Amino acid sequence: MVGWFVAGEMGSEAAQNNLAYLLDRSTGRKVLLGKDGGDGTVAEKGRINEMAMRWWIRSAAQDNVDAMVKVGDYYCEFYIHFSRSGLIMVNVQERS
């Protein structure tokens, strides 16, 4: 994972994509938080999701279509989460 991190920082699209994928899955979480996956607090999960999102965006910026889709998924998940919690107030009828 460290090798992919270094290569990703150097601009390797494949490394960025692989690192984002690992962070998005439990494999990356176990590496970063310990073998037990950490205590699973919301702050830990949010921080790892933020890291994964950064790598997805970097990969998508290099025209990786799969990464572009994943970035869209993250934005939709964020939007739905905050709109349900009442932090984002949107009138859908006005947009139509």
N, C-alpha and C. Protein backbone atom coordinates (compact mmCIF):
# COMPACT_ATOMS: atom_id res chain seq x y z
N MET A 1 0.83 -1.18 0.00
CA MET A 1 0.00 0.00 0.00
C MET A 1 0.88 1.26 0.00
N VAL A 2 2.01 1.19 0.69
CA VAL A 2 2.90 2.34 0.73
C VAL A 2 3.47 2.62 -0.66
N GLY A 3 3.79 1.57 -1.40
CA GLY A 3 4.30 1.73 -2.76
C GLY A 3 3.29 2.43 -3.66
N TRP A 4 2.03 2.05 -3.53
CA TRP A 4 0.99 2.69 -4.33
C TRP A 4 0.82 4.15 -3.92
N PHE A 5 0.98 4.42 -2.62
CA PHE A 5 0.87 5.79 -2.15
C PHE A 5 1.95 6.67 -2.79
N VAL A 6 3.18 6.17 -2.79
CA VAL A 6 4.29 6.93 -3.38
C VAL A 6 4.06 7.12 -4.88
N ALA A 7 3.69 6.04 -5.56
CA ALA A 7 3.45 6.12 -7.01
C ALA A 7 2.26 7.04 -7.31
N GLY A 8 1.25 6.99 -6.48
CA GLY A 8 0.09 7.87 -6.66
C GLY A 8 0.45 9.33 -6.49
N GLU A 9 1.30 9.61 -5.52
CA GLU A 9 1.77 10.98 -5.33
C GLU A 9 2.60 11.46 -6.52
N MET A 10 3.23 10.53 -7.20
CA MET A 10 4.04 10.88 -8.36
C MET A 10 3.18 11.00 -9.62
N GLY A 11 1.89 10.67 -9.51
CA GLY A 11 0.98 10.87 -10.63
C GLY A 11 0.54 9.62 -11.36
N SER A 12 0.87 8.46 -10.85
CA SER A 12 0.46 7.22 -11.51
C SER A 12 -1.04 7.00 -11.33
N GLU A 13 -1.77 7.03 -12.42
CA GLU A 13 -3.22 6.86 -12.36
C GLU A 13 -3.61 5.49 -11.82
N ALA A 14 -2.90 4.46 -12.23
CA ALA A 14 -3.22 3.11 -11.76
C ALA A 14 -3.02 2.99 -10.25
N ALA A 15 -1.96 3.58 -9.75
CA ALA A 15 -1.70 3.54 -8.31
C ALA A 15 -2.77 4.32 -7.55
N GLN A 16 -3.18 5.45 -8.09
CA GLN A 16 -4.23 6.25 -7.45
C GLN A 16 -5.54 5.47 -7.39
N ASN A 17 -5.86 4.80 -8.48
CA ASN A 17 -7.08 4.00 -8.54
C ASN A 17 -7.02 2.83 -7.57
N ASN A 18 -5.90 2.14 -7.53
CA ASN A 18 -5.75 0.99 -6.63
C ASN A 18 -5.82 1.42 -5.17
N LEU A 19 -5.16 2.52 -4.85
CA LEU A 19 -5.17 3.01 -3.47
C LEU A 19 -6.58 3.42 -3.05
N ALA A 20 -7.28 4.11 -3.93
CA ALA A 20 -8.65 4.50 -3.62
C ALA A 20 -9.53 3.28 -3.41
N TYR A 21 -9.35 2.27 -4.25
CA TYR A 21 -10.14 1.04 -4.13
C TYR A 21 -9.89 0.36 -2.78
N LEU A 22 -8.61 0.27 -2.39
CA LEU A 22 -8.29 -0.38 -1.12
C LEU A 22 -8.84 0.41 0.06
N LEU A 23 -8.76 1.72 0.00
CA LEU A 23 -9.31 2.53 1.08
C LEU A 23 -10.83 2.42 1.13
N ASP A 24 -11.44 2.26 -0.02
CA ASP A 24 -12.89 2.14 -0.11
C ASP A 24 -13.38 0.80 0.45
N ARG A 25 -12.53 -0.17 0.42
CA ARG A 25 -12.88 -1.51 0.92
C ARG A 25 -12.29 -1.72 2.30
N SER A 26 -12.61 -2.79 2.94
CA SER A 26 -12.14 -3.07 4.30
C SER A 26 -10.63 -3.31 4.35
N THR A 27 -10.00 -3.69 3.24
CA THR A 27 -8.56 -3.96 3.24
C THR A 27 -7.78 -2.73 3.68
N GLY A 28 -8.07 -1.59 3.09
CA GLY A 28 -7.38 -0.36 3.44
C GLY A 28 -7.66 0.07 4.86
N ARG A 29 -8.88 -0.15 5.31
CA ARG A 29 -9.23 0.23 6.67
C ARG A 29 -8.43 -0.59 7.68
N LYS A 30 -8.25 -1.86 7.40
CA LYS A 30 -7.49 -2.71 8.33
C LYS A 30 -6.02 -2.32 8.37
N VAL A 31 -5.47 -1.94 7.22
CA VAL A 31 -4.07 -1.52 7.18
C VAL A 31 -3.88 -0.23 7.97
N LEU A 32 -4.79 0.72 7.80
CA LEU A 32 -4.65 2.02 8.46
C LEU A 32 -5.03 1.99 9.94
N LEU A 33 -6.01 1.20 10.29
CA LEU A 33 -6.54 1.23 11.65
C LEU A 33 -6.10 0.05 12.50
N GLY A 34 -5.30 -0.83 11.96
CA GLY A 34 -4.89 -2.02 12.70
C GLY A 34 -5.63 -3.24 12.19
N LYS A 35 -5.18 -4.41 12.59
CA LYS A 35 -5.75 -5.65 12.05
C LYS A 35 -7.21 -5.84 12.40
N ASP A 36 -7.64 -5.25 13.51
CA ASP A 36 -9.04 -5.41 13.88
C ASP A 36 -9.95 -4.40 13.20
N GLY A 37 -9.37 -3.47 12.41
CA GLY A 37 -10.18 -2.49 11.70
C GLY A 37 -10.50 -1.28 12.53
N GLY A 38 -9.81 -1.10 13.67
CA GLY A 38 -10.06 0.06 14.52
C GLY A 38 -11.34 -0.12 15.31
N ASP A 39 -11.71 0.90 16.02
CA ASP A 39 -12.94 0.79 16.81
C ASP A 39 -14.17 1.19 16.02
N GLY A 40 -13.97 1.60 14.76
CA GLY A 40 -15.11 1.85 13.88
C GLY A 40 -15.87 3.12 14.17
N THR A 41 -15.21 4.09 14.78
CA THR A 41 -15.92 5.33 15.08
C THR A 41 -16.26 6.07 13.79
N VAL A 42 -17.23 6.94 13.87
CA VAL A 42 -17.66 7.71 12.71
C VAL A 42 -16.52 8.58 12.20
N ALA A 43 -15.72 9.12 13.11
CA ALA A 43 -14.60 9.98 12.72
C ALA A 43 -13.58 9.20 11.90
N GLU A 44 -13.27 7.98 12.32
CA GLU A 44 -12.32 7.14 11.58
C GLU A 44 -12.85 6.82 10.19
N LYS A 45 -14.09 6.41 10.12
CA LYS A 45 -14.69 6.06 8.83
C LYS A 45 -14.76 7.28 7.92
N GLY A 46 -15.11 8.40 8.47
CA GLY A 46 -15.19 9.63 7.68
C GLY A 46 -13.84 10.04 7.14
N ARG A 47 -12.81 9.90 7.96
CA ARG A 47 -11.45 10.26 7.54
C ARG A 47 -10.97 9.35 6.42
N ILE A 48 -11.23 8.07 6.53
CA ILE A 48 -10.80 7.13 5.49
C ILE A 48 -11.61 7.35 4.21
N ASN A 49 -12.90 7.62 4.34
CA ASN A 49 -13.71 7.93 3.15
C ASN A 49 -13.21 9.19 2.47
N GLU A 50 -12.79 10.16 3.26
CA GLU A 50 -12.23 11.40 2.70
C GLU A 50 -10.94 11.11 1.94
N MET A 51 -10.09 10.26 2.49
CA MET A 51 -8.85 9.89 1.81
C MET A 51 -9.15 9.17 0.51
N ALA A 52 -10.10 8.23 0.55
CA ALA A 52 -10.46 7.49 -0.65
C ALA A 52 -11.01 8.43 -1.71
N MET A 53 -11.84 9.37 -1.30
CA MET A 53 -12.41 10.33 -2.24
C MET A 53 -11.32 11.15 -2.93
N ARG A 54 -10.32 11.56 -2.17
CA ARG A 54 -9.21 12.33 -2.77
C ARG A 54 -8.51 11.52 -3.85
N TRP A 55 -8.27 10.24 -3.59
CA TRP A 55 -7.59 9.40 -4.59
C TRP A 55 -8.49 9.13 -5.78
N TRP A 56 -9.80 8.95 -5.55
CA TRP A 56 -10.73 8.77 -6.67
C TRP A 56 -10.72 10.01 -7.56
N ILE A 57 -10.73 11.20 -6.95
CA ILE A 57 -10.74 12.44 -7.72
C ILE A 57 -9.46 12.57 -8.54
N ARG A 58 -8.33 12.25 -7.94
CA ARG A 58 -7.06 12.33 -8.67
C ARG A 58 -7.04 11.36 -9.85
N SER A 59 -7.56 10.17 -9.65
CA SER A 59 -7.62 9.20 -10.73
C SER A 59 -8.60 9.64 -11.81
N ALA A 60 -9.74 10.19 -11.39
CA ALA A 60 -10.74 10.66 -12.35
C ALA A 60 -10.21 11.83 -13.17
N ALA A 61 -9.36 12.63 -12.58
CA ALA A 61 -8.79 13.77 -13.30
C ALA A 61 -7.90 13.33 -14.46
N GLN A 62 -7.49 12.06 -14.42
CA GLN A 62 -6.66 11.52 -15.50
C GLN A 62 -7.52 10.66 -16.44
N ASP A 63 -8.79 10.96 -16.49
CA ASP A 63 -9.76 10.35 -17.41
C ASP A 63 -10.01 8.86 -17.17
N ASN A 64 -9.96 8.44 -15.91
CA ASN A 64 -10.34 7.08 -15.57
C ASN A 64 -11.85 7.07 -15.37
N VAL A 65 -12.56 6.38 -16.25
CA VAL A 65 -14.02 6.40 -16.24
C VAL A 65 -14.58 5.76 -14.97
N ASP A 66 -13.99 4.68 -14.53
CA ASP A 66 -14.47 4.02 -13.31
C ASP A 66 -14.35 4.95 -12.11
N ALA A 67 -13.25 5.68 -12.05
CA ALA A 67 -13.06 6.63 -10.95
C ALA A 67 -14.07 7.76 -11.04
N MET A 68 -14.39 8.20 -12.25
CA MET A 68 -15.40 9.25 -12.42
C MET A 68 -16.75 8.80 -11.87
N VAL A 69 -17.10 7.56 -12.14
CA VAL A 69 -18.37 7.01 -11.64
C VAL A 69 -18.34 6.96 -10.10
N LYS A 70 -17.23 6.54 -9.55
CA LYS A 70 -17.11 6.43 -8.09
C LYS A 70 -17.20 7.81 -7.44
N VAL A 71 -16.61 8.83 -8.06
CA VAL A 71 -16.71 10.20 -7.53
C VAL A 71 -18.18 10.63 -7.54
N GLY A 72 -18.89 10.31 -8.61
CA GLY A 72 -20.31 10.62 -8.66
C GLY A 72 -21.09 9.91 -7.58
N ASP A 73 -20.73 8.65 -7.31
CA ASP A 73 -21.38 7.90 -6.24
C ASP A 73 -21.16 8.56 -4.89
N TYR A 74 -19.92 8.99 -4.65
CA TYR A 74 -19.60 9.65 -3.39
C TYR A 74 -20.40 10.94 -3.23
N TYR A 75 -20.49 11.73 -4.29
CA TYR A 75 -21.24 12.98 -4.21
C TYR A 75 -22.72 12.72 -3.96
N CYS A 76 -23.28 11.72 -4.61
CA CYS A 76 -24.69 11.38 -4.38
C CYS A 76 -24.91 10.92 -2.95
N GLU A 77 -24.01 10.09 -2.44
CA GLU A 77 -24.11 9.59 -1.07
C GLU A 77 -24.04 10.76 -0.08
N PHE A 78 -23.12 11.67 -0.33
CA PHE A 78 -22.97 12.85 0.53
C PHE A 78 -24.24 13.70 0.50
N TYR A 79 -24.75 13.94 -0.69
CA TYR A 79 -25.94 14.77 -0.85
C TYR A 79 -27.14 14.16 -0.15
N ILE A 80 -27.35 12.87 -0.36
CA ILE A 80 -28.49 12.19 0.26
C ILE A 80 -28.35 12.17 1.77
N HIS A 81 -27.15 11.90 2.28
CA HIS A 81 -26.92 11.84 3.72
C HIS A 81 -27.26 13.18 4.38
N PHE A 82 -26.74 14.27 3.82
CA PHE A 82 -26.96 15.56 4.44
C PHE A 82 -28.36 16.11 4.19
N SER A 83 -28.97 15.77 3.07
CA SER A 83 -30.32 16.26 2.84
C SER A 83 -31.31 15.54 3.76
N ARG A 84 -31.04 14.28 4.07
CA ARG A 84 -31.92 13.56 5.00
C ARG A 84 -31.74 14.06 6.43
N SER A 85 -30.54 14.50 6.76
CA SER A 85 -30.30 14.96 8.12
C SER A 85 -30.78 16.40 8.33
N GLY A 86 -31.24 17.04 7.25
CA GLY A 86 -31.78 18.38 7.36
C GLY A 86 -30.74 19.48 7.24
N LEU A 87 -29.48 19.12 6.98
CA LEU A 87 -28.44 20.12 6.88
C LEU A 87 -28.46 20.83 5.54
N ILE A 88 -29.00 20.18 4.54
CA ILE A 88 -29.12 20.80 3.22
C ILE A 88 -30.61 20.87 2.89
N MET A 89 -31.09 22.03 2.67
CA MET A 89 -32.50 22.21 2.34
C MET A 89 -32.60 22.48 0.84
N VAL A 90 -33.29 21.62 0.14
CA VAL A 90 -33.39 21.75 -1.31
C VAL A 90 -34.85 21.63 -1.70
N ASN A 91 -35.28 22.52 -2.58
CA ASN A 91 -36.62 22.44 -3.12
C ASN A 91 -36.48 21.90 -4.55
N VAL A 92 -36.76 20.63 -4.71
CA VAL A 92 -36.57 19.97 -6.00
C VAL A 92 -37.52 20.54 -7.05
N GLN A 93 -38.70 20.95 -6.67
CA GLN A 93 -39.67 21.47 -7.62
C GLN A 93 -39.19 22.75 -8.28
N GLU A 94 -38.43 23.57 -7.56
CA GLU A 94 -37.92 24.81 -8.13
C GLU A 94 -36.86 24.55 -9.19
N ARG A 95 -36.15 23.45 -9.08
CA ARG A 95 -35.09 23.13 -10.03
C ARG A 95 -35.64 22.58 -11.34
N SER A 96 -36.80 21.99 -11.30
CA SER A 96 -37.35 21.36 -12.51
C SER A 96 -37.80 22.37 -13.52
